[in-house]
Amino acid sequence: MSSKRAMKQAQKQAYAKHRSNITNNRFNSRKRNINKNKKKN
């Protein structure tokens, strides 16, 4: 029983990490693109 609960918790944690990584990567890539455009000008 406890192992099932542990698996569910691990999956939730992994998913939360995955979601935060997606949002962070989107934000960081936007920052990088802005910096690249400034250098070109």
PDB file of N, CA and C in Angstrom:
ATOM      1  N   MET A   1       0.829  -1.202   0.000  1.00  0.00           N
ATOM      2  CA  MET A   1       0.000   0.000   0.000  1.00  0.00           C
ATOM      3  C   MET A   1       0.867   1.257   0.000  1.00  0.00           C
ATOM      4  N   SER A   2       1.851   1.274   0.864  1.00  0.00           N
ATOM      5  CA  SER A   2       2.687   2.469   0.966  1.00  0.00           C
ATOM      6  C   SER A   2       3.490   2.691  -0.319  1.00  0.00           C
ATOM      7  N   SER A   3       3.863   1.588  -0.986  1.00  0.00           N
ATOM      8  CA  SER A   3       4.638   1.726  -2.217  1.00  0.00           C
ATOM      9  C   SER A   3       3.791   2.375  -3.313  1.00  0.00           C
ATOM     10  N   LYS A   4       2.493   2.032  -3.345  1.00  0.00           N
ATOM     11  CA  LYS A   4       1.598   2.667  -4.323  1.00  0.00           C
ATOM     12  C   LYS A   4       1.543   4.165  -4.084  1.00  0.00           C
ATOM     13  N   ARG A   5       1.404   4.537  -2.808  1.00  0.00           N
ATOM     14  CA  ARG A   5       1.326   5.954  -2.462  1.00  0.00           C
ATOM     15  C   ARG A   5       2.622   6.656  -2.857  1.00  0.00           C
ATOM     16  N   ALA A   6       3.747   5.997  -2.619  1.00  0.00           N
ATOM     17  CA  ALA A   6       5.045   6.581  -2.950  1.00  0.00           C
ATOM     18  C   ALA A   6       5.168   6.791  -4.462  1.00  0.00           C
ATOM     19  N   MET A   7       4.689   5.820  -5.237  1.00  0.00           N
ATOM     20  CA  MET A   7       4.762   5.938  -6.696  1.00  0.00           C
ATOM     21  C   MET A   7       3.932   7.117  -7.187  1.00  0.00           C
ATOM     22  N   LYS A   8       2.718   7.258  -6.625  1.00  0.00           N
ATOM     23  CA  LYS A   8       1.860   8.377  -7.017  1.00  0.00           C
ATOM     24  C   LYS A   8       2.538   9.701  -6.706  1.00  0.00           C
ATOM     25  N   GLN A   9       3.128   9.792  -5.512  1.00  0.00           N
ATOM     26  CA  GLN A   9       3.777  11.027  -5.097  1.00  0.00           C
ATOM     27  C   GLN A   9       4.958  11.346  -6.009  1.00  0.00           C
ATOM     28  N   ALA A  10       5.724  10.316  -6.358  1.00  0.00           N
ATOM     29  CA  ALA A  10       6.888  10.510  -7.226  1.00  0.00           C
ATOM     30  C   ALA A  10       6.444  11.005  -8.599  1.00  0.00           C
ATOM     31  N   GLN A  11       5.353  10.433  -9.100  1.00  0.00           N
ATOM     32  CA  GLN A  11       4.852  10.861 -10.412  1.00  0.00           C
ATOM     33  C   GLN A  11       4.409  12.319 -10.369  1.00  0.00           C
ATOM     34  N   LYS A  12       3.707  12.684  -9.305  1.00  0.00           N
ATOM     35  CA  LYS A  12       3.258  14.073  -9.160  1.00  0.00           C
ATOM     36  C   LYS A  12       4.448  15.019  -9.133  1.00  0.00           C
ATOM     37  N   GLN A  13       5.470  14.655  -8.362  1.00  0.00           N
ATOM     38  CA  GLN A  13       6.657  15.511  -8.250  1.00  0.00           C
ATOM     39  C   GLN A  13       7.342  15.661  -9.602  1.00  0.00           C
ATOM     40  N   ALA A  14       7.484  14.535 -10.310  1.00  0.00           N
ATOM     41  CA  ALA A  14       8.149  14.565 -11.611  1.00  0.00           C
ATOM     42  C   ALA A  14       7.373  15.448 -12.566  1.00  0.00           C
ATOM     43  N   TYR A  15       6.033  15.355 -12.533  1.00  0.00           N
ATOM     44  CA  TYR A  15       5.210  16.158 -13.433  1.00  0.00           C
ATOM     45  C   TYR A  15       5.334  17.640 -13.096  1.00  0.00           C
ATOM     46  N   ALA A  16       5.339  17.963 -11.805  1.00  0.00           N
ATOM     47  CA  ALA A  16       5.464  19.357 -11.391  1.00  0.00           C
ATOM     48  C   ALA A  16       6.801  19.930 -11.857  1.00  0.00           C
ATOM     49  N   LYS A  17       7.860  19.131 -11.712  1.00  0.00           N
ATOM     50  CA  LYS A  17       9.185  19.552 -12.145  1.00  0.00           C
ATOM     51  C   LYS A  17       9.187  19.802 -13.649  1.00  0.00           C
ATOM     52  N   HIS A  18       8.560  18.888 -14.382  1.00  0.00           N
ATOM     53  CA  HIS A  18       8.475  18.972 -15.834  1.00  0.00           C
ATOM     54  C   HIS A  18       7.757  20.249 -16.262  1.00  0.00           C
ATOM     55  N   ARG A  19       6.618  20.557 -15.589  1.00  0.00           N
ATOM     56  CA  ARG A  19       5.861  21.758 -15.930  1.00  0.00           C
ATOM     57  C   ARG A  19       6.693  23.015 -15.667  1.00  0.00           C
ATOM     58  N   SER A  20       7.372  23.069 -14.525  1.00  0.00           N
ATOM     59  CA  SER A  20       8.153  24.258 -14.187  1.00  0.00           C
ATOM     60  C   SER A  20       9.317  24.406 -15.167  1.00  0.00           C
ATOM     61  N   ASN A  21       9.887  23.294 -15.607  1.00  0.00           N
ATOM     62  CA  ASN A  21      10.972  23.361 -16.583  1.00  0.00           C
ATOM     63  C   ASN A  21      10.480  23.952 -17.890  1.00  0.00           C
ATOM     64  N   ILE A  22       9.287  23.568 -18.329  1.00  0.00           N
ATOM     65  CA  ILE A  22       8.739  24.081 -19.582  1.00  0.00           C
ATOM     66  C   ILE A  22       8.567  25.593 -19.487  1.00  0.00           C
ATOM     67  N   THR A  23       7.960  26.076 -18.397  1.00  0.00           N
ATOM     68  CA  THR A  23       7.720  27.516 -18.273  1.00  0.00           C
ATOM     69  C   THR A  23       9.044  28.264 -18.171  1.00  0.00           C
ATOM     70  N   ASN A  24      10.002  27.707 -17.429  1.00  0.00           N
ATOM     71  CA  ASN A  24      11.296  28.366 -17.282  1.00  0.00           C
ATOM     72  C   ASN A  24      12.018  28.431 -18.623  1.00  0.00           C
ATOM     73  N   ASN A  25      11.994  27.337 -19.368  1.00  0.00           N
ATOM     74  CA  ASN A  25      12.691  27.309 -20.646  1.00  0.00           C
ATOM     75  C   ASN A  25      12.065  28.303 -21.622  1.00  0.00           C
ATOM     76  N   ARG A  26      10.757  28.415 -21.621  1.00  0.00           N
ATOM     77  CA  ARG A  26      10.079  29.349 -22.515  1.00  0.00           C
ATOM     78  C   ARG A  26      10.511  30.776 -22.180  1.00  0.00           C
ATOM     79  N   PHE A  27      10.544  31.088 -20.876  1.00  0.00           N
ATOM     80  CA  PHE A  27      10.900  32.432 -20.434  1.00  0.00           C
ATOM     81  C   PHE A  27      12.366  32.728 -20.756  1.00  0.00           C
ATOM     82  N   ASN A  28      13.253  31.757 -20.491  1.00  0.00           N
ATOM     83  CA  ASN A  28      14.679  31.974 -20.717  1.00  0.00           C
ATOM     84  C   ASN A  28      14.981  32.117 -22.202  1.00  0.00           C
ATOM     85  N   SER A  29      14.328  31.346 -23.044  1.00  0.00           N
ATOM     86  CA  SER A  29      14.603  31.419 -24.478  1.00  0.00           C
ATOM     87  C   SER A  29      14.160  32.777 -25.018  1.00  0.00           C
ATOM     88  N   ARG A  30      13.073  33.313 -24.460  1.00  0.00           N
ATOM     89  CA  ARG A  30      12.617  34.628 -24.892  1.00  0.00           C
ATOM     90  C   ARG A  30      13.662  35.674 -24.522  1.00  0.00           C
ATOM     91  N   LYS A  31      14.212  35.555 -23.306  1.00  0.00           N
ATOM     92  CA  LYS A  31      15.254  36.486 -22.866  1.00  0.00           C
ATOM     93  C   LYS A  31      16.454  36.422 -23.811  1.00  0.00           C
ATOM     94  N   ARG A  32      16.885  35.199 -24.131  1.00  0.00           N
ATOM     95  CA  ARG A  32      18.056  35.024 -24.995  1.00  0.00           C
ATOM     96  C   ARG A  32      17.814  35.652 -26.361  1.00  0.00           C
ATOM     97  N   ASN A  33      16.602  35.463 -26.906  1.00  0.00           N
ATOM     98  CA  ASN A  33      16.306  36.014 -28.225  1.00  0.00           C
ATOM     99  C   ASN A  33      16.368  37.535 -28.203  1.00  0.00           C
ATOM    100  N   ILE A  34      15.881  38.139 -27.132  1.00  0.00           N
ATOM    101  CA  ILE A  34      15.921  39.600 -27.020  1.00  0.00           C
ATOM    102  C   ILE A  34      17.380  40.068 -27.015  1.00  0.00           C
ATOM    103  N   ASN A  35      18.230  39.366 -26.262  1.00  0.00           N
ATOM    104  CA  ASN A  35      19.640  39.739 -26.199  1.00  0.00           C
ATOM    105  C   ASN A  35      20.302  39.602 -27.564  1.00  0.00           C
ATOM    106  N   LYS A  36      19.986  38.548 -28.302  1.00  0.00           N
ATOM    107  CA  LYS A  36      20.582  38.346 -29.624  1.00  0.00           C
ATOM    108  C   LYS A  36      20.193  39.489 -30.560  1.00  0.00           C
ATOM    109  N   ASN A  37      18.919  39.901 -30.508  1.00  0.00           N
ATOM    110  CA  ASN A  37      18.466  40.968 -31.384  1.00  0.00           C
ATOM    111  C   ASN A  37      19.144  42.287 -31.056  1.00  0.00           C
ATOM    112  N   LYS A  38      19.390  42.558 -29.798  1.00  0.00           N
ATOM    113  CA  LYS A  38      20.072  43.800 -29.412  1.00  0.00           C
ATOM    114  C   LYS A  38      21.491  43.820 -29.976  1.00  0.00           C
ATOM    115  N   LYS A  39      22.177  42.680 -29.918  1.00  0.00           N
ATOM    116  CA  LYS A  39      23.560  42.629 -30.416  1.00  0.00           C
ATOM    117  C   LYS A  39      23.624  42.891 -31.917  1.00  0.00           C
ATOM    118  N   LYS A  40      22.632  42.372 -32.660  1.00  0.00           N
ATOM    119  CA  LYS A  40      22.624  42.571 -34.116  1.00  0.00           C
ATOM    120  C   LYS A  40      22.490  44.043 -34.469  1.00  0.00           C
ATOM    121  N   ASN A  41      21.630  44.754 -33.722  1.00  0.00           N
ATOM    122  CA  ASN A  41      21.410  46.172 -34.016  1.00  0.00           C
ATOM    123  C   ASN A  41      22.617  46.979 -33.573  1.00  0.00           C
TER     124      ASN A  41
END
